[in-house]
Amino acid sequence: MRVTVHVHPGSRRPGVGGDYDGALIVRVSEPAVDGRATSAVAAALAQAFGVRRSAVELVSGPTSRQKRFDVEGATEERLGELLRSKGEAQ
């Protein structure tokens, strides 16, 4: 399943959840330096969807706050839950 995310790097309260213009909000504590935030987002998505880290692959947006990931094993139901949630720490 392809998931569009809006990234908040350097966040004091990391978590996955909420909706930003149709994209899933992902807050990570890592800074947006040398791909560290992108790696942290992939790990956070894997945890949020209950899949292995290797099941999450960046498709587009390596240097943008708007990114697209393919998440193997993700479900529409779980994505809907995350979009409606407040994004508490996962």
Protein backbone atom coordinates (compact mmCIF):
# COMPACT_ATOMS: atom_id res chain seq x y z
CA MET A 1 0.00 0.00 0.00
CA ARG A 2 1.30 3.46 -0.87
CA VAL A 3 1.20 5.91 2.04
CA THR A 4 1.74 9.68 1.71
CA VAL A 5 3.23 11.26 4.82
CA HIS A 6 3.92 14.79 6.02
CA VAL A 7 7.08 14.79 8.15
CA HIS A 8 7.83 16.94 11.19
CA PRO A 9 11.59 16.40 11.83
CA GLY A 10 13.17 17.43 15.13
CA SER A 11 9.90 17.01 17.01
CA ARG A 12 9.89 16.96 20.81
CA ARG A 13 6.92 14.57 20.75
CA PRO A 14 7.51 11.84 18.16
CA GLY A 15 4.50 9.89 16.95
CA VAL A 16 2.40 8.80 14.01
CA GLY A 17 -1.12 10.07 13.50
CA GLY A 18 -3.27 12.87 12.24
CA ASP A 19 -4.14 14.25 8.85
CA TYR A 20 -2.38 17.07 7.00
CA ASP A 21 -4.13 17.73 3.69
CA GLY A 22 -4.75 14.01 3.18
CA ALA A 23 -1.27 12.91 4.27
CA LEU A 24 -0.45 10.96 7.42
CA ILE A 25 1.49 13.11 9.90
CA VAL A 26 4.71 11.55 11.20
CA ARG A 27 6.70 13.36 13.90
CA VAL A 28 10.27 12.19 14.51
CA SER A 29 12.94 13.48 16.88
CA GLU A 30 15.72 13.05 14.32
CA PRO A 31 16.81 16.20 12.45
CA ALA A 32 16.47 16.50 8.68
CA VAL A 33 20.19 15.92 8.13
CA ASP A 34 21.77 13.24 5.91
CA GLY A 35 18.53 11.25 5.65
CA ARG A 36 18.26 10.65 9.38
CA ALA A 37 14.67 11.91 9.57
CA THR A 38 13.65 9.80 6.57
CA SER A 39 15.09 6.67 8.18
CA ALA A 40 13.29 7.49 11.42
CA VAL A 41 10.02 7.98 9.52
CA ALA A 42 10.38 4.56 7.88
CA ALA A 43 10.98 2.95 11.28
CA ALA A 44 8.01 4.80 12.79
CA LEU A 45 5.75 3.68 9.93
CA ALA A 46 6.87 0.07 10.35
CA GLN A 47 6.03 0.21 14.06
CA ALA A 48 2.69 1.97 13.50
CA PHE A 49 1.57 -0.57 10.89
CA GLY A 50 3.03 -3.57 12.73
CA VAL A 51 5.35 -4.63 9.91
CA ARG A 52 9.09 -5.21 9.60
CA ARG A 53 11.28 -2.21 8.78
CA SER A 54 12.29 -3.95 5.55
CA ALA A 55 8.62 -3.83 4.44
CA VAL A 56 8.76 -0.01 4.27
CA GLU A 57 10.33 1.55 1.18
CA LEU A 58 10.67 5.23 0.24
CA VAL A 59 9.14 5.90 -3.19
CA SER A 60 9.46 9.67 -3.51
CA GLY A 61 10.41 12.81 -1.61
CA PRO A 62 13.80 11.98 -0.04
CA THR A 63 14.50 15.65 0.75
CA SER A 64 10.91 16.89 1.10
CA ARG A 65 8.54 17.00 4.06
CA GLN A 66 5.97 15.33 1.79
CA LYS A 67 7.08 11.73 1.19
CA ARG A 68 5.55 8.59 -0.26
CA PHE A 69 6.29 5.15 1.09
CA ASP A 70 5.25 1.68 0.01
CA VAL A 71 4.32 -0.25 3.14
CA GLU A 72 3.95 -3.97 2.48
CA GLY A 73 1.30 -5.44 4.77
CA ALA A 74 -0.38 -2.12 5.61
CA THR A 75 -4.18 -2.04 5.60
CA GLU A 76 -6.67 0.69 4.70
CA GLU A 77 -8.32 0.15 8.08
CA ARG A 78 -5.12 0.84 10.03
CA LEU A 79 -4.30 3.86 7.85
CA GLY A 80 -7.75 5.26 8.59
CA GLU A 81 -7.21 4.77 12.33
CA LEU A 82 -3.89 6.60 12.17
CA LEU A 83 -5.30 9.48 10.11
CA ARG A 84 -8.06 9.97 12.70
CA SER A 85 -5.75 9.69 15.72
CA LYS A 86 -4.01 12.57 17.49
CA GLY A 87 -0.50 11.27 16.82
CA GLU A 88 0.51 10.24 20.32
CA ALA A 89 3.90 8.58 20.69
CA GLN A 90 3.99 5.11 19.18
